[in-house]
Every structure is written in structure tokens, then in C-alpha cells.
Amino acid sequence: MEGISDLVERLRAAGVPVDDSIAEAMSFVEPGDFTDHDTELFLMDRPVPFLVTESGAAKTISAPHMVATLLHHLEIREGQHVLLLGSKGGYLASLLDFMLGPDGAVTIIEPHPEVLRHTSERLELHNSMGLLRALPPDALEGWADFSRRVDRVLVTGAVRGLAPEVESMVEEGGFVLGPFGGPLHQRLLKRERQGDNWMDTDLGGVVFGPMDLAEAERSPLDPYSLAEHLEDLLGLMTEVIEIEEETLDRLEGLILSLRELPTDLPLLNEDSTEDEILEHPVMELLLMEMEWLGPMWPLFGDYMSIEIANPGSPEDDDQDMLGGHEDLVP
């Protein structure tokens, strides 16, 4: 495939683990089959959108360096069954399908209806090697009755943890790979099942968008989403700078107050008036705390400004992975 071979060589030169089986799969599966957007960015080692929902949220195919990194750490063997949480438009599943061969299986669980519909339509046009299907989350409820157990679980978006029913599907010696953490920063963890225990291997820091796109479609003043971001931000900041005890207490109190607000608050959009915004309960709460919160905003901005790594871009020949992985969903 034109452009992919050069991309693979640039990734390898930058230290990204691209073995022959991954390179062959990337050469076989055309990313343009899973998006109507221009794939030039993909060849520059950047994420490319595959869908913009009716609410205006974008969902992307991850940058090639992250795709290759995830496939490397999955340790794929032919004939395995991989459960994919979050579809990435079907591209990642199709790569897995090629690597697993005719006896393999890929099951996608996609929580967002628009993304599920897009993925199913694209997969119908794809000549799969083995079993390749996209299902809604409620398919997990009767899993034990009709499906084989799982050798690998790949989580394609940020999660704090996995549902027990997903963990129970994993075979002995199988593992889960995914970005575990808050909305701003996660650790890429390999969680291997050993009997009733899980052994974690930390593979580095990553930045993924939410696994469920519905989280990205929340109002900017959604109290739960804002609390999640503040909590994650607080954890990042306290690792590297010293924050006064009083300020810590105030931030923790604000996070608690946000979570105690009603869930049926009025929704704001681009047509909302200035009065509607200022009178919104979340805005009123923030304004009440602005005397001490205001000086913190520049710090918040610094910690939320995360640059994506593009080791496979021809413009960034001096980059290397240095053991870490970054993937930012724009």
C-alpha cells in the first residue's frame, strides 16, 4: 500500500515495535476503508477522524505508532479470540482479524449507537479472515451462553476499571491491555489473569479519549465531567508540585460539591445566552470559589496542554518513543 511501507520504516527507525506480522497487516488493511476523512494525517503518524457524531464529537483511528504499540503488546497468536472494547471505526479490528487468521475471532463491543452503526457498515464491506463482529454492550449479558472465552481484551479508550463480566471472560494466562486512569492521563496496563488474581505490568503513560464517546458529548458544565477532570488534574499536579494544604482542601471540597449537584441540570449549547450561562448552577458554584480558584487556572492550563508524539512523521525524524506511548484524541 502506497505510503504505508515508508511509514512503517519511519516507525521502526524511531523505536516503535513493528514486527513483520504487524507490518503485513498494516499493508493489507486500508485505513481509508473505515473513514471518509482524508488519511494523509494517518501517513504523518497522526490520528484521523472516522466519525463526527450528530452532537459534534469526533472519534478517531489512533495514530499508527499507537496502533502498532497496542498490537505489539497484545502478543497475538493465530486462532485466538480478541475482545475489543471500543471500535476505532473497525480499522483496528480488521488488523487483528488479519493477524489472527481464519481460525481467529474478533468481537467488538461498542457503546455508542452511531459509532456501532458506522463500524458495522464498514465491516460489511471488509473481507474478513475469521469471525469479525460488532455488538452493543448488552451482548455481554448472555455471553456465557453462546460465546467462547477470550484470550485478549483490548480497551481502546480511557477507563478507570473493567466490568466484572468482562474480566470473567478472560482465559487463564490471557490478559487485558488498555489505558487505565482519568480523563486527562492514563497508564497503559497489561493485566494478566493468573487464577483469581490479576498481575499488572505498567507499560507507560498515555493520553486517550474516553472509551464511551457519550462522555465527550457532555456539556462543558456537566458537573460530573468537570469533577472527573479536576480530580485527575489534581492527581497530576500533586505529583510534581507542592500545593498548599488549604488549597488542596478547597479543591477536594469543590470536586465533592460538583458531584453532589443534581443530574438533571439544564443543558447549555452554543445558543445559550450569557445570563443562562452565568445562572447555571455549575457556573454559580465556580464563581463563588473564584477568589482562590482564579490563580489556579494558569496552572490547570499548563497541565492540560499535552502534545501528541508522532515518531513516524517524516517531519519528526529525531523523535523516539523512549519507552513511553502517547495518543491524544483531538
C-alpha atoms as a PDB file:
ATOM      1  CA  MET A   1       0.000   0.000   0.000  1.00  0.00           C
ATOM      2  CA  GLU A   2       1.419   3.354  -1.095  1.00  0.00           C
ATOM      3  CA  GLY A   3       2.808   5.340   1.812  1.00  0.00           C
ATOM      4  CA  ILE A   4       2.389   2.625   4.443  1.00  0.00           C
ATOM      5  CA  SER A   5       5.749   0.958   3.809  1.00  0.00           C
ATOM      6  CA  ASP A   6       7.544   4.292   4.282  1.00  0.00           C
ATOM      7  CA  LEU A   7       5.528   4.924   7.437  1.00  0.00           C
ATOM      8  CA  VAL A   8       6.452   1.508   8.827  1.00  0.00           C
ATOM      9  CA  GLU A   9      10.144   2.166   8.220  1.00  0.00           C
ATOM     10  CA  ARG A  10       9.945   5.546   9.954  1.00  0.00           C
ATOM     11  CA  LEU A  11       8.193   3.941  12.930  1.00  0.00           C
ATOM     12  CA  ARG A  12      10.847   1.249  13.179  1.00  0.00           C
ATOM     13  CA  ALA A  13      13.627   3.829  12.942  1.00  0.00           C
ATOM     14  CA  ALA A  14      12.019   5.730  15.834  1.00  0.00           C
ATOM     15  CA  GLY A  15      11.975   2.605  18.008  1.00  0.00           C
ATOM     16  CA  VAL A  16       8.288   1.712  17.662  1.00  0.00           C
ATOM     17  CA  PRO A  17       7.886  -2.092  17.850  1.00  0.00           C
ATOM     18  CA  VAL A  18       6.610  -3.037  14.368  1.00  0.00           C
ATOM     19  CA  ASP A  19       7.312  -6.708  13.657  1.00  0.00           C
ATOM     20  CA  ASP A  20       6.699  -8.360  10.297  1.00  0.00           C
ATOM     21  CA  SER A  21       3.190  -9.576  11.156  1.00  0.00           C
ATOM     22  CA  ILE A  22       2.089  -6.070  12.175  1.00  0.00           C
ATOM     23  CA  ALA A  23       3.705  -4.524   9.092  1.00  0.00           C
ATOM     24  CA  GLU A  24       1.993  -7.079   6.848  1.00  0.00           C
ATOM     25  CA  ALA A  25      -1.393  -6.381   8.435  1.00  0.00           C
ATOM     26  CA  MET A  26      -0.937  -2.601   8.084  1.00  0.00           C
ATOM     27  CA  SER A  27      -0.020  -3.078   4.431  1.00  0.00           C
ATOM     28  CA  PHE A  28      -3.079  -5.262   3.815  1.00  0.00           C
ATOM     29  CA  VAL A  29      -5.789  -3.211   5.582  1.00  0.00           C
ATOM     30  CA  GLU A  30      -6.569   0.179   4.039  1.00  0.00           C
ATOM     31  CA  PRO A  31      -7.412   2.784   6.737  1.00  0.00           C
ATOM     32  CA  GLY A  32      -9.416   4.709   4.129  1.00  0.00           C
ATOM     33  CA  ASP A  33     -11.958   1.871   4.089  1.00  0.00           C
ATOM     34  CA  PHE A  34     -13.023   2.900   7.591  1.00  0.00           C
ATOM     35  CA  THR A  35     -13.248   6.671   7.228  1.00  0.00           C
ATOM     36  CA  ASP A  36     -14.417   9.216   4.694  1.00  0.00           C
ATOM     37  CA  HIS A  37     -11.854  11.716   6.000  1.00  0.00           C
ATOM     38  CA  ASP A  38      -8.507  12.292   4.336  1.00  0.00           C
ATOM     39  CA  THR A  39      -5.971   9.710   5.552  1.00  0.00           C
ATOM     40  CA  GLU A  40      -2.940  11.907   4.814  1.00  0.00           C
ATOM     41  CA  LEU A  41      -2.702  12.661   8.544  1.00  0.00           C
ATOM     42  CA  PHE A  42      -2.501   8.924   9.229  1.00  0.00           C
ATOM     43  CA  LEU A  43       0.563   8.650   6.987  1.00  0.00           C
ATOM     44  CA  MET A  44       2.060  11.508   9.017  1.00  0.00           C
ATOM     45  CA  ASP A  45       1.616   9.326  12.125  1.00  0.00           C
ATOM     46  CA  ARG A  46      -1.359  11.249  13.468  1.00  0.00           C
ATOM     47  CA  PRO A  47      -4.885  10.196  14.470  1.00  0.00           C
ATOM     48  CA  VAL A  48      -7.508  10.556  11.759  1.00  0.00           C
ATOM     49  CA  PRO A  49     -11.242  11.034  12.420  1.00  0.00           C
ATOM     50  CA  PHE A  50     -13.555   8.296  11.255  1.00  0.00           C
ATOM     51  CA  LEU A  51     -16.811   9.810  12.514  1.00  0.00           C
ATOM     52  CA  VAL A  52     -18.196  13.090  13.830  1.00  0.00           C
ATOM     53  CA  THR A  53     -21.436  12.395  15.692  1.00  0.00           C
ATOM     54  CA  GLU A  54     -24.640  14.385  15.434  1.00  0.00           C
ATOM     55  CA  SER A  55     -23.610  16.070  18.704  1.00  0.00           C
ATOM     56  CA  GLY A  56     -20.332  17.208  17.147  1.00  0.00           C
ATOM     57  CA  ALA A  57     -17.973  14.834  18.993  1.00  0.00           C
ATOM     58  CA  ALA A  58     -15.136  13.354  16.932  1.00  0.00           C
ATOM     59  CA  LYS A  59     -13.985   9.751  17.155  1.00  0.00           C
ATOM     60  CA  THR A  60     -10.617   8.824  15.676  1.00  0.00           C
ATOM     61  CA  ILE A  61      -8.488   5.984  14.441  1.00  0.00           C
ATOM     62  CA  SER A  62      -5.397   6.169  16.640  1.00  0.00           C
ATOM     63  CA  ALA A  63      -2.051   7.327  15.285  1.00  0.00           C
ATOM     64  CA  PRO A  64      -0.087   4.496  13.631  1.00  0.00           C
ATOM     65  CA  HIS A  65       2.594   4.452  16.346  1.00  0.00           C
ATOM     66  CA  MET A  66      -0.090   3.722  18.937  1.00  0.00           C
ATOM     67  CA  VAL A  67      -1.828   1.143  16.735  1.00  0.00           C
ATOM     68  CA  ALA A  68       1.480  -0.701  16.299  1.00  0.00           C
ATOM     69  CA  THR A  69       2.303  -0.406  20.006  1.00  0.00           C
ATOM     70  CA  LEU A  70      -1.036  -1.872  21.065  1.00  0.00           C
ATOM     71  CA  LEU A  71      -0.741  -4.748  18.589  1.00  0.00           C
ATOM     72  CA  HIS A  72       2.802  -5.460  19.797  1.00  0.00           C
ATOM     73  CA  HIS A  73       1.804  -5.654  23.449  1.00  0.00           C
ATOM     74  CA  LEU A  74      -1.204  -7.892  22.672  1.00  0.00           C
ATOM     75  CA  GLU A  75       1.212 -10.711  21.691  1.00  0.00           C
ATOM     76  CA  ILE A  76      -1.212 -12.029  19.084  1.00  0.00           C
ATOM     77  CA  ARG A  77      -1.187 -15.688  18.061  1.00  0.00           C
ATOM     78  CA  GLU A  78      -3.211 -17.171  15.219  1.00  0.00           C
ATOM     79  CA  GLY A  79      -6.554 -18.654  16.241  1.00  0.00           C
ATOM     80  CA  GLN A  80      -7.046 -16.534  19.358  1.00  0.00           C
ATOM     81  CA  HIS A  81     -10.216 -14.656  20.314  1.00  0.00           C
ATOM     82  CA  VAL A  82      -9.779 -10.929  20.969  1.00  0.00           C
ATOM     83  CA  LEU A  83     -12.448  -8.778  22.610  1.00  0.00           C
ATOM     84  CA  LEU A  84     -12.184  -5.153  21.525  1.00  0.00           C
ATOM     85  CA  LEU A  85     -13.846  -2.547  23.755  1.00  0.00           C
ATOM     86  CA  GLY A  86     -14.400   0.482  21.533  1.00  0.00           C
ATOM     87  CA  SER A  87     -14.338   0.003  17.773  1.00  0.00           C
ATOM     88  CA  LYS A  88     -11.933   2.641  16.385  1.00  0.00           C
ATOM     89  CA  GLY A  89     -14.215   2.525  13.354  1.00  0.00           C
ATOM     90  CA  GLY A  90     -13.332  -1.089  12.556  1.00  0.00           C
ATOM     91  CA  TYR A  91      -9.752  -0.449  11.416  1.00  0.00           C
ATOM     92  CA  LEU A  92      -8.029  -1.916  14.451  1.00  0.00           C
ATOM     93  CA  ALA A  93     -10.365  -4.923  14.471  1.00  0.00           C
ATOM     94  CA  SER A  94      -9.569  -5.600  10.814  1.00  0.00           C
ATOM     95  CA  LEU A  95      -5.839  -5.552  11.538  1.00  0.00           C
ATOM     96  CA  LEU A  96      -6.421  -8.057  14.331  1.00  0.00           C
ATOM     97  CA  ASP A  97      -8.598 -10.181  12.057  1.00  0.00           C
ATOM     98  CA  PHE A  98      -5.758 -10.400   9.528  1.00  0.00           C
ATOM     99  CA  MET A  99      -3.195 -11.319  12.191  1.00  0.00           C
ATOM    100  CA  LEU A 100      -5.437 -13.943  13.853  1.00  0.00           C
ATOM    101  CA  GLY A 101      -6.148 -15.811  10.631  1.00  0.00           C
ATOM    102  CA  PRO A 102      -9.150 -17.937   9.591  1.00  0.00           C
ATOM    103  CA  ASP A 103      -9.438 -19.684  12.972  1.00  0.00           C
ATOM    104  CA  GLY A 104      -9.355 -16.438  14.931  1.00  0.00           C
ATOM    105  CA  ALA A 105     -12.173 -14.238  16.159  1.00  0.00           C
ATOM    106  CA  VAL A 106     -12.577 -10.539  16.929  1.00  0.00           C
ATOM    107  CA  THR A 107     -15.596  -9.319  18.868  1.00  0.00           C
ATOM    108  CA  ILE A 108     -16.148  -5.573  19.119  1.00  0.00           C
ATOM    109  CA  ILE A 109     -18.262  -4.096  21.903  1.00  0.00           C
ATOM    110  CA  GLU A 110     -19.181  -0.520  21.005  1.00  0.00           C
ATOM    111  CA  PRO A 111     -21.338   1.540  23.401  1.00  0.00           C
ATOM    112  CA  HIS A 112     -22.157   4.469  21.118  1.00  0.00           C
ATOM    113  CA  PRO A 113     -25.021   3.760  18.658  1.00  0.00           C
ATOM    114  CA  GLU A 114     -23.701   6.000  15.867  1.00  0.00           C
ATOM    115  CA  VAL A 115     -20.195   4.530  16.121  1.00  0.00           C
ATOM    116  CA  LEU A 116     -21.620   0.993  16.215  1.00  0.00           C
ATOM    117  CA  ARG A 117     -23.674   1.653  13.075  1.00  0.00           C
ATOM    118  CA  HIS A 118     -20.674   3.159  11.259  1.00  0.00           C
ATOM    119  CA  THR A 119     -18.438   0.250  12.262  1.00  0.00           C
ATOM    120  CA  SER A 120     -20.964  -2.422  11.276  1.00  0.00           C
ATOM    121  CA  GLU A 121     -21.470  -0.829   7.861  1.00  0.00           C
ATOM    122  CA  ARG A 122     -17.721  -0.662   7.178  1.00  0.00           C
ATOM    123  CA  LEU A 123     -17.111  -4.233   8.333  1.00  0.00           C
ATOM    124  CA  GLU A 124     -19.821  -5.499   5.981  1.00  0.00           C
ATOM    125  CA  LEU A 125     -17.639  -4.270   3.108  1.00  0.00           C
ATOM    126  CA  HIS A 126     -14.496  -5.881   4.550  1.00  0.00           C
ATOM    127  CA  ASN A 127     -13.436  -9.383   3.539  1.00  0.00           C
ATOM    128  CA  SER A 128     -12.647 -10.829   6.950  1.00  0.00           C
ATOM    129  CA  MET A 129     -10.282 -13.740   7.525  1.00  0.00           C
ATOM    130  CA  GLY A 130     -12.133 -15.197  10.520  1.00  0.00           C
ATOM    131  CA  LEU A 131     -15.076 -14.276  12.726  1.00  0.00           C
ATOM    132  CA  LEU A 132     -15.396 -10.490  12.922  1.00  0.00           C
ATOM    133  CA  ARG A 133     -18.450  -8.852  14.518  1.00  0.00           C
ATOM    134  CA  ALA A 134     -19.531  -5.606  16.190  1.00  0.00           C
ATOM    135  CA  LEU A 135     -22.067  -5.778  19.024  1.00  0.00           C
ATOM    136  CA  PRO A 136     -23.733  -3.411  21.525  1.00  0.00           C
ATOM    137  CA  PRO A 137     -22.857  -3.649  25.253  1.00  0.00           C
ATOM    138  CA  ASP A 138     -25.971  -5.663  26.157  1.00  0.00           C
ATOM    139  CA  ALA A 139     -24.484  -8.572  24.176  1.00  0.00           C
ATOM    140  CA  LEU A 140     -22.193  -9.162  27.158  1.00  0.00           C
ATOM    141  CA  GLU A 141     -25.139 -10.166  29.353  1.00  0.00           C
ATOM    142  CA  GLY A 142     -25.638 -13.583  27.739  1.00  0.00           C
ATOM    143  CA  TRP A 143     -22.027 -14.118  26.738  1.00  0.00           C
ATOM    144  CA  ALA A 144     -21.507 -17.352  28.660  1.00  0.00           C
ATOM    145  CA  ASP A 145     -24.418 -18.961  26.850  1.00  0.00           C
ATOM    146  CA  PHE A 146     -23.206 -18.578  23.265  1.00  0.00           C
ATOM    147  CA  SER A 147     -19.623 -17.383  23.034  1.00  0.00           C
ATOM    148  CA  ARG A 148     -16.171 -18.821  23.580  1.00  0.00           C
ATOM    149  CA  ARG A 149     -13.941 -17.309  26.217  1.00  0.00           C
ATOM    150  CA  VAL A 150     -11.443 -14.572  25.428  1.00  0.00           C
ATOM    151  CA  ASP A 151      -7.646 -14.712  25.087  1.00  0.00           C
ATOM    152  CA  ARG A 152      -7.101 -10.958  24.901  1.00  0.00           C
ATOM    153  CA  VAL A 153      -9.119  -7.861  25.764  1.00  0.00           C
ATOM    154  CA  LEU A 154      -8.054  -4.591  24.167  1.00  0.00           C
ATOM    155  CA  VAL A 155      -9.541  -1.386  25.593  1.00  0.00           C
ATOM    156  CA  THR A 156      -9.311   1.472  23.098  1.00  0.00           C
ATOM    157  CA  GLY A 157     -10.286   4.393  25.337  1.00  0.00           C
ATOM    158  CA  ALA A 158      -9.720   5.672  28.849  1.00  0.00           C
ATOM    159  CA  VAL A 159     -11.354   3.636  31.641  1.00  0.00           C
ATOM    160  CA  ARG A 160     -10.927   3.544  35.405  1.00  0.00           C
ATOM    161  CA  GLY A 161     -11.682  -0.172  35.568  1.00  0.00           C
ATOM    162  CA  LEU A 162     -13.394  -3.074  33.832  1.00  0.00           C
ATOM    163  CA  ALA A 163     -16.810  -4.550  34.500  1.00  0.00           C
ATOM    164  CA  PRO A 164     -16.615  -7.915  36.345  1.00  0.00           C
ATOM    165  CA  GLU A 165     -18.391  -9.683  33.472  1.00  0.00           C
ATOM    166  CA  VAL A 166     -15.578  -8.646  31.107  1.00  0.00           C
ATOM    167  CA  GLU A 167     -12.856  -9.835  33.473  1.00  0.00           C
ATOM    168  CA  SER A 168     -14.647 -13.161  33.922  1.00  0.00           C
ATOM    169  CA  MET A 169     -14.410 -13.876  30.178  1.00  0.00           C
ATOM    170  CA  VAL A 170     -10.615 -13.882  30.093  1.00  0.00           C
ATOM    171  CA  GLU A 171      -8.918 -17.276  29.895  1.00  0.00           C
ATOM    172  CA  GLU A 172      -6.232 -18.310  32.376  1.00  0.00           C
ATOM    173  CA  GLY A 173      -2.999 -16.747  31.140  1.00  0.00           C
ATOM    174  CA  GLY A 174      -4.915 -14.268  28.999  1.00  0.00           C
ATOM    175  CA  PHE A 175      -4.746 -10.564  29.625  1.00  0.00           C
ATOM    176  CA  VAL A 176      -6.351  -7.163  29.293  1.00  0.00           C
ATOM    177  CA  LEU A 177      -4.477  -4.292  27.641  1.00  0.00           C
ATOM    178  CA  GLY A 178      -5.706  -0.739  27.932  1.00  0.00           C
ATOM    179  CA  PRO A 179      -5.359   2.831  29.214  1.00  0.00           C
ATOM    180  CA  PHE A 180      -6.458   2.893  32.858  1.00  0.00           C
ATOM    181  CA  GLY A 181      -6.940   6.228  34.591  1.00  0.00           C
ATOM    182  CA  GLY A 182      -8.836   9.511  34.459  1.00  0.00           C
ATOM    183  CA  PRO A 183      -9.857  11.705  31.515  1.00  0.00           C
ATOM    184  CA  LEU A 184      -6.549  13.591  31.257  1.00  0.00           C
ATOM    185  CA  HIS A 185      -3.929  10.917  31.739  1.00  0.00           C
ATOM    186  CA  GLN A 186      -3.755   7.139  31.988  1.00  0.00           C
ATOM    187  CA  ARG A 187      -1.268   4.311  32.351  1.00  0.00           C
ATOM    188  CA  LEU A 188      -1.140   1.675  29.638  1.00  0.00           C
ATOM    189  CA  LEU A 189      -1.519  -1.506  31.670  1.00  0.00           C
ATOM    190  CA  LYS A 190      -1.211  -5.150  30.748  1.00  0.00           C
ATOM    191  CA  ARG A 191      -3.369  -7.009  33.299  1.00  0.00           C
ATOM    192  CA  GLU A 192      -2.705 -10.774  33.124  1.00  0.00           C
ATOM    193  CA  ARG A 193      -5.088 -13.301  34.641  1.00  0.00           C
ATOM    194  CA  GLN A 194      -3.376 -15.800  36.968  1.00  0.00           C
ATOM    195  CA  GLY A 195      -6.047 -17.866  38.679  1.00  0.00           C
ATOM    196  CA  ASP A 196      -8.220 -15.484  40.658  1.00  0.00           C
ATOM    197  CA  ASN A 197      -5.529 -12.805  40.638  1.00  0.00           C
ATOM    198  CA  TRP A 198      -4.501 -10.127  38.148  1.00  0.00           C
ATOM    199  CA  MET A 199      -0.848  -9.233  37.625  1.00  0.00           C
ATOM    200  CA  ASP A 200      -0.301  -5.717  36.275  1.00  0.00           C
ATOM    201  CA  THR A 201       2.572  -4.584  34.059  1.00  0.00           C
ATOM    202  CA  ASP A 202       2.848  -0.816  33.606  1.00  0.00           C
ATOM    203  CA  LEU A 203       3.838  -0.024  30.002  1.00  0.00           C
ATOM    204  CA  GLY A 204       3.952   3.767  30.277  1.00  0.00           C
ATOM    205  CA  GLY A 205       1.887   6.922  30.368  1.00  0.00           C
ATOM    206  CA  VAL A 206      -0.727   7.562  27.677  1.00  0.00           C
ATOM    207  CA  VAL A 207      -3.466  10.057  26.843  1.00  0.00           C
ATOM    208  CA  PHE A 208      -6.580   8.511  25.294  1.00  0.00           C
ATOM    209  CA  GLY A 209     -10.039   9.929  24.809  1.00  0.00           C
ATOM    210  CA  PRO A 210     -12.939   8.291  26.666  1.00  0.00           C
ATOM    211  CA  MET A 211     -13.839   4.737  25.682  1.00  0.00           C
ATOM    212  CA  ASP A 212     -17.513   5.737  25.568  1.00  0.00           C
ATOM    213  CA  LEU A 213     -17.923   8.679  23.185  1.00  0.00           C
ATOM    214  CA  ALA A 214     -21.034   9.782  25.093  1.00  0.00           C
ATOM    215  CA  GLU A 215     -18.671  11.166  27.747  1.00  0.00           C
ATOM    216  CA  ALA A 216     -17.148  13.525  25.170  1.00  0.00           C
ATOM    217  CA  GLU A 217     -20.619  14.754  24.236  1.00  0.00           C
ATOM    218  CA  ARG A 218     -21.388  16.086  27.708  1.00  0.00           C
ATOM    219  CA  SER A 219     -21.981  19.789  28.267  1.00  0.00           C
ATOM    220  CA  PRO A 220     -18.843  21.772  29.193  1.00  0.00           C
ATOM    221  CA  LEU A 221     -20.587  22.493  32.508  1.00  0.00           C
ATOM    222  CA  ASP A 222     -21.575  18.904  33.196  1.00  0.00           C
ATOM    223  CA  PRO A 223     -20.768  18.691  36.937  1.00  0.00           C
ATOM    224  CA  TYR A 224     -19.680  15.053  36.945  1.00  0.00           C
ATOM    225  CA  SER A 225     -17.373  15.504  33.936  1.00  0.00           C
ATOM    226  CA  LEU A 226     -15.856  18.650  35.453  1.00  0.00           C
ATOM    227  CA  ALA A 227     -15.313  16.853  38.766  1.00  0.00           C
ATOM    228  CA  GLU A 228     -13.582  13.978  36.948  1.00  0.00           C
ATOM    229  CA  HIS A 229     -11.229  16.363  35.145  1.00  0.00           C
ATOM    230  CA  LEU A 230     -10.416  18.350  38.295  1.00  0.00           C
ATOM    231  CA  GLU A 231      -9.723  15.164  40.246  1.00  0.00           C
ATOM    232  CA  ASP A 232      -7.424  13.838  37.536  1.00  0.00           C
ATOM    233  CA  LEU A 233      -5.706  17.201  37.227  1.00  0.00           C
ATOM    234  CA  LEU A 234      -5.188  17.389  40.967  1.00  0.00           C
ATOM    235  CA  GLY A 235      -3.528  13.983  40.969  1.00  0.00           C
ATOM    236  CA  LEU A 236      -1.143  15.019  38.188  1.00  0.00           C
ATOM    237  CA  MET A 237      -0.216  18.322  39.824  1.00  0.00           C
ATOM    238  CA  THR A 238       0.463  16.937  43.288  1.00  0.00           C
ATOM    239  CA  GLU A 239       2.986  14.505  41.806  1.00  0.00           C
ATOM    240  CA  VAL A 240       5.297  17.303  40.665  1.00  0.00           C
ATOM    241  CA  ILE A 241       4.497  20.493  42.587  1.00  0.00           C
ATOM    242  CA  GLU A 242       3.672  21.305  46.178  1.00  0.00           C
ATOM    243  CA  ILE A 243       0.174  22.693  46.736  1.00  0.00           C
ATOM    244  CA  GLU A 244      -0.816  24.372  49.992  1.00  0.00           C
ATOM    245  CA  GLU A 245      -2.947  22.247  52.290  1.00  0.00           C
ATOM    246  CA  GLU A 246      -5.728  24.841  52.325  1.00  0.00           C
ATOM    247  CA  THR A 247      -5.878  24.893  48.517  1.00  0.00           C
ATOM    248  CA  LEU A 248      -5.954  21.096  48.396  1.00  0.00           C
ATOM    249  CA  ASP A 249      -8.866  21.059  50.834  1.00  0.00           C
ATOM    250  CA  ARG A 250     -10.723  23.670  48.778  1.00  0.00           C
ATOM    251  CA  LEU A 251     -10.195  21.722  45.533  1.00  0.00           C
ATOM    252  CA  GLU A 252     -11.358  18.490  47.110  1.00  0.00           C
ATOM    253  CA  GLY A 253     -14.381  20.326  48.518  1.00  0.00           C
ATOM    254  CA  LEU A 254     -15.198  21.753  45.080  1.00  0.00           C
ATOM    255  CA  ILE A 255     -14.963  18.291  43.489  1.00  0.00           C
ATOM    256  CA  LEU A 256     -17.323  16.921  46.148  1.00  0.00           C
ATOM    257  CA  SER A 257     -19.764  19.817  45.652  1.00  0.00           C
ATOM    258  CA  LEU A 258     -19.833  19.241  41.895  1.00  0.00           C
ATOM    259  CA  ARG A 259     -20.664  15.567  42.395  1.00  0.00           C
ATOM    260  CA  GLU A 260     -23.484  16.472  44.767  1.00  0.00           C
ATOM    261  CA  LEU A 261     -25.266  18.664  42.203  1.00  0.00           C
ATOM    262  CA  PRO A 262     -28.450  17.245  40.608  1.00  0.00           C
ATOM    263  CA  THR A 263     -28.050  15.147  37.473  1.00  0.00           C
ATOM    264  CA  ASP A 264     -30.904  16.898  35.638  1.00  0.00           C
ATOM    265  CA  LEU A 265     -29.315  20.345  35.338  1.00  0.00           C
ATOM    266  CA  PRO A 266     -30.275  22.453  32.295  1.00  0.00           C
ATOM    267  CA  LEU A 267     -28.176  21.782  29.202  1.00  0.00           C
ATOM    268  CA  LEU A 268     -26.127  24.543  27.634  1.00  0.00           C
ATOM    269  CA  ASN A 269     -25.177  24.853  23.986  1.00  0.00           C
ATOM    270  CA  GLU A 270     -23.811  27.427  21.549  1.00  0.00           C
ATOM    271  CA  ASP A 271     -27.194  29.186  21.535  1.00  0.00           C
ATOM    272  CA  SER A 272     -27.280  29.671  25.315  1.00  0.00           C
ATOM    273  CA  THR A 273     -27.417  33.294  26.435  1.00  0.00           C
ATOM    274  CA  GLU A 274     -24.881  34.915  28.744  1.00  0.00           C
ATOM    275  CA  ASP A 275     -27.490  35.061  31.513  1.00  0.00           C
ATOM    276  CA  GLU A 276     -28.262  31.338  31.105  1.00  0.00           C
ATOM    277  CA  ILE A 277     -24.556  30.535  31.416  1.00  0.00           C
ATOM    278  CA  LEU A 278     -23.946  32.786  34.431  1.00  0.00           C
ATOM    279  CA  GLU A 279     -27.047  31.478  36.206  1.00  0.00           C
ATOM    280  CA  HIS A 280     -26.172  27.831  35.608  1.00  0.00           C
ATOM    281  CA  PRO A 281     -25.622  26.050  38.979  1.00  0.00           C
ATOM    282  CA  VAL A 282     -22.133  24.871  37.986  1.00  0.00           C
ATOM    283  CA  MET A 283     -21.063  28.362  36.932  1.00  0.00           C
ATOM    284  CA  GLU A 284     -22.527  29.837  40.105  1.00  0.00           C
ATOM    285  CA  LEU A 285     -20.513  27.334  42.155  1.00  0.00           C
ATOM    286  CA  LEU A 286     -17.290  28.150  40.283  1.00  0.00           C
ATOM    287  CA  LEU A 287     -17.818  31.900  40.648  1.00  0.00           C
ATOM    288  CA  MET A 288     -18.315  31.508  44.410  1.00  0.00           C
ATOM    289  CA  GLU A 289     -14.878  29.864  44.599  1.00  0.00           C
ATOM    290  CA  MET A 290     -13.134  32.193  42.136  1.00  0.00           C
ATOM    291  CA  GLU A 291     -11.167  34.158  44.756  1.00  0.00           C
ATOM    292  CA  TRP A 292      -8.876  31.198  45.385  1.00  0.00           C
ATOM    293  CA  LEU A 293      -9.645  29.232  42.198  1.00  0.00           C
ATOM    294  CA  GLY A 294      -8.755  32.052  39.779  1.00  0.00           C
ATOM    295  CA  PRO A 295      -4.986  31.963  40.436  1.00  0.00           C
ATOM    296  CA  MET A 296      -5.052  28.178  39.778  1.00  0.00           C
ATOM    297  CA  TRP A 297      -6.388  28.441  36.196  1.00  0.00           C
ATOM    298  CA  PRO A 298      -2.987  29.136  34.551  1.00  0.00           C
ATOM    299  CA  LEU A 299      -1.614  26.010  36.237  1.00  0.00           C
ATOM    300  CA  PHE A 300      -4.604  23.999  35.057  1.00  0.00           C
ATOM    301  CA  GLY A 301      -3.950  25.180  31.513  1.00  0.00           C
ATOM    302  CA  ASP A 302      -0.308  24.113  31.671  1.00  0.00           C
ATOM    303  CA  TYR A 303      -1.173  20.606  32.832  1.00  0.00           C
ATOM    304  CA  MET A 304      -3.981  20.155  30.313  1.00  0.00           C
ATOM    305  CA  SER A 305      -1.723  21.147  27.398  1.00  0.00           C
ATOM    306  CA  ILE A 306      -0.462  17.753  26.224  1.00  0.00           C
ATOM    307  CA  GLU A 307       1.411  17.360  22.960  1.00  0.00           C
ATOM    308  CA  ILE A 308       0.973  14.222  20.927  1.00  0.00           C
ATOM    309  CA  ALA A 309       4.067  12.249  19.952  1.00  0.00           C
ATOM    310  CA  ASN A 310       4.431  11.478  16.238  1.00  0.00           C
ATOM    311  CA  PRO A 311       7.572   9.344  15.940  1.00  0.00           C
ATOM    312  CA  GLY A 312       6.531   8.103  12.493  1.00  0.00           C
ATOM    313  CA  SER A 313       6.125  11.531  10.942  1.00  0.00           C
ATOM    314  CA  PRO A 314       8.673  12.494   8.269  1.00  0.00           C
ATOM    315  CA  GLU A 315       8.744  15.934   9.925  1.00  0.00           C
ATOM    316  CA  ASP A 316       9.887  14.473  13.258  1.00  0.00           C
ATOM    317  CA  ASP A 317      12.818  12.262  12.330  1.00  0.00           C
ATOM    318  CA  ASP A 318      14.584  12.959  15.636  1.00  0.00           C
ATOM    319  CA  GLN A 319      11.759  11.609  17.805  1.00  0.00           C
ATOM    320  CA  ASP A 320      11.863   8.285  19.548  1.00  0.00           C
ATOM    321  CA  MET A 321       9.497   6.547  21.948  1.00  0.00           C
ATOM    322  CA  LEU A 322      11.857   6.365  24.935  1.00  0.00           C
ATOM    323  CA  GLY A 323       9.678   3.642  26.429  1.00  0.00           C
ATOM    324  CA  GLY A 324       6.522   5.780  26.629  1.00  0.00           C
ATOM    325  CA  HIS A 325       3.411   5.983  24.499  1.00  0.00           C
ATOM    326  CA  GLU A 326       1.178   8.973  23.830  1.00  0.00           C
ATOM    327  CA  ASP A 327      -2.090   9.097  21.969  1.00  0.00           C
ATOM    328  CA  LEU A 328      -4.271  12.192  22.047  1.00  0.00           C
ATOM    329  CA  VAL A 329      -7.757  12.111  20.591  1.00  0.00           C
ATOM    330  CA  PRO A 330      -8.384  15.646  19.291  1.00  0.00           C
END
